[in-house]
C-alpha atoms as a PDB file:
ATOM      1  CA  MET A   1     114.152  88.007 121.494  1.00  0.00           C
ATOM      2  CA  GLU A   2     110.612  88.597 119.465  1.00  0.00           C
ATOM      3  CA  ARG A   3     109.055  91.362 119.696  1.00  0.00           C
ATOM      4  CA  SER A   4     104.581  91.066 119.911  1.00  0.00           C
ATOM      5  CA  ARG A   5     102.532  92.442 117.509  1.00  0.00           C
ATOM      6  CA  GLY A   6      99.774  94.986 118.428  1.00  0.00           C
ATOM      7  CA  SER A   7      96.151  93.357 116.860  1.00  0.00           C
ATOM      8  CA  SER A   8      95.375  96.404 114.458  1.00  0.00           C
ATOM      9  CA  PHE A   9      96.023  93.893 111.564  1.00  0.00           C
ATOM     10  CA  ASN A  10      96.204  90.205 110.994  1.00  0.00           C
ATOM     11  CA  GLN A  11      99.104  88.603 109.406  1.00  0.00           C
ATOM     12  CA  ARG A  12      97.103  89.164 105.622  1.00  0.00           C
ATOM     13  CA  GLU A  13      96.355  92.290 106.045  1.00  0.00           C
ATOM     14  CA  ASP A  14     100.219  93.205 107.075  1.00  0.00           C
ATOM     15  CA  GLU A  15     101.218  91.221 103.722  1.00  0.00           C
ATOM     16  CA  LEU A  16      98.567  93.631 101.865  1.00  0.00           C
ATOM     17  CA  LEU A  17     100.029  96.738 103.113  1.00  0.00           C
ATOM     18  CA  CYS A  18     103.571  95.975 102.404  1.00  0.00           C
ATOM     19  CA  ARG A  19     102.761  94.783  98.948  1.00  0.00           C
ATOM     20  CA  VAL A  20     100.599  97.784  97.970  1.00  0.00           C
ATOM     21  CA  TYR A  21     103.697 100.028  99.954  1.00  0.00           C
ATOM     22  CA  LEU A  22     105.914  98.939  97.648  1.00  0.00           C
ATOM     23  CA  GLU A  23     103.863  98.959  94.614  1.00  0.00           C
ATOM     24  CA  ILE A  24     102.801 102.760  95.130  1.00  0.00           C
ATOM     25  CA  SER A  25     106.326 104.013  96.313  1.00  0.00           C
ATOM     26  CA  GLN A  26     108.426 102.224  93.613  1.00  0.00           C
ATOM     27  CA  ASP A  27     106.388 103.655  90.725  1.00  0.00           C
ATOM     28  CA  PRO A  28     108.632 105.916  89.136  1.00  0.00           C
ATOM     29  CA  ILE A  29     106.051 107.997  87.468  1.00  0.00           C
ATOM     30  CA  GLY A  30     103.438 108.199  90.030  1.00  0.00           C
ATOM     31  CA  SER A  31     105.418 108.585  93.182  1.00  0.00           C
ATOM     32  CA  ASN A  32     108.088 110.973  92.184  1.00  0.00           C
ATOM     33  CA  ASN A  33     107.342 114.806  93.123  1.00  0.00           C
ATOM     34  CA  GLN A  34     104.114 113.878  95.653  1.00  0.00           C
ATOM     35  CA  SER A  35     103.804 114.976  99.082  1.00  0.00           C
ATOM     36  CA  LEU A  36     104.352 112.212 101.717  1.00  0.00           C
ATOM     37  CA  GLY A  37     100.193 112.731 102.396  1.00  0.00           C
ATOM     38  CA  LYS A  38      99.548 112.173  99.080  1.00  0.00           C
ATOM     39  CA  LEU A  39     101.549 109.206  98.973  1.00  0.00           C
ATOM     40  CA  TRP A  40      99.881 107.611 101.922  1.00  0.00           C
ATOM     41  CA  GLU A  41      96.562 108.800 100.408  1.00  0.00           C
ATOM     42  CA  LYS A  42      97.083 106.584  97.415  1.00  0.00           C
ATOM     43  CA  ILE A  43      98.315 103.726  99.689  1.00  0.00           C
ATOM     44  CA  GLU A  44      95.265 103.873 101.771  1.00  0.00           C
ATOM     45  CA  ASN A  45      93.018 104.099  98.877  1.00  0.00           C
ATOM     46  CA  SER A  46      94.611 101.044  96.960  1.00  0.00           C
ATOM     47  CA  TYR A  47      94.569  99.268 100.311  1.00  0.00           C
ATOM     48  CA  ASN A  48      91.156  99.561 100.900  1.00  0.00           C
ATOM     49  CA  GLU A  49      90.059  98.426  97.550  1.00  0.00           C
ATOM     50  CA  LYS A  50      92.258  95.439  97.391  1.00  0.00           C
ATOM     51  CA  LYS A  51      91.065  94.557 100.612  1.00  0.00           C
ATOM     52  CA  ARG A  52      87.538  93.720  99.519  1.00  0.00           C
END
Protein backbone atom coordinates (compact mmCIF):
# COMPACT_ATOMS: atom_id res chain seq x y z
CA MET A 1 0.00 0.00 0.00
CA GLU A 2 1.46 3.33 -1.04
CA ARG A 3 1.13 6.23 1.35
CA SER A 4 0.17 9.60 0.02
CA ARG A 5 2.52 12.51 0.59
CA GLY A 6 1.62 15.89 1.89
CA SER A 7 2.08 18.85 -0.38
CA SER A 8 4.65 20.64 1.76
CA PHE A 9 7.67 19.59 -0.31
CA ASN A 10 8.06 18.49 -3.90
CA GLN A 11 10.37 15.64 -4.96
CA ARG A 12 13.37 17.93 -5.55
CA GLU A 13 12.96 19.60 -2.15
CA ASP A 14 12.64 16.22 -0.40
CA GLU A 15 15.88 15.03 -1.96
CA LEU A 16 17.68 18.25 -1.06
CA LEU A 17 16.49 18.02 2.55
CA CYS A 18 17.74 14.43 2.78
CA ARG A 19 21.15 15.33 1.34
CA VAL A 20 21.53 18.30 3.68
CA TYR A 21 20.45 16.24 6.70
CA LEU A 22 22.99 13.51 5.92
CA GLU A 23 25.75 16.01 5.19
CA ILE A 24 25.31 17.82 8.50
CA SER A 25 24.37 14.91 10.78
CA GLN A 26 27.34 12.79 9.64
CA ASP A 27 29.93 15.51 10.12
CA PRO A 28 32.09 14.05 12.93
CA ILE A 29 33.22 17.45 14.17
CA GLY A 30 30.22 19.70 13.63
CA SER A 31 27.53 17.26 14.77
CA ASN A 32 29.27 16.07 17.93
CA ASN A 33 27.88 17.33 21.26
CA GLN A 34 25.31 19.75 19.89
CA SER A 35 21.69 20.13 20.89
CA LEU A 36 18.90 18.84 18.67
CA GLY A 37 17.71 22.40 18.15
CA LYS A 38 21.15 23.50 16.95
CA LEU A 39 21.36 20.53 14.58
CA TRP A 40 18.04 21.41 12.94
CA GLU A 41 19.00 25.08 12.82
CA LYS A 42 22.08 24.14 10.79
CA ILE A 43 20.00 21.88 8.56
CA GLU A 44 17.44 24.63 7.97
CA ASN A 45 20.09 27.22 7.16
CA SER A 46 21.94 24.93 4.77
CA TYR A 47 18.71 23.79 3.10
CA ASN A 48 17.54 27.37 2.52
CA GLU A 49 20.96 28.37 1.19
CA LYS A 50 21.16 25.46 -1.26
CA LYS A 51 17.52 25.76 -2.33
CA ARG A 52 18.17 29.12 -4.07
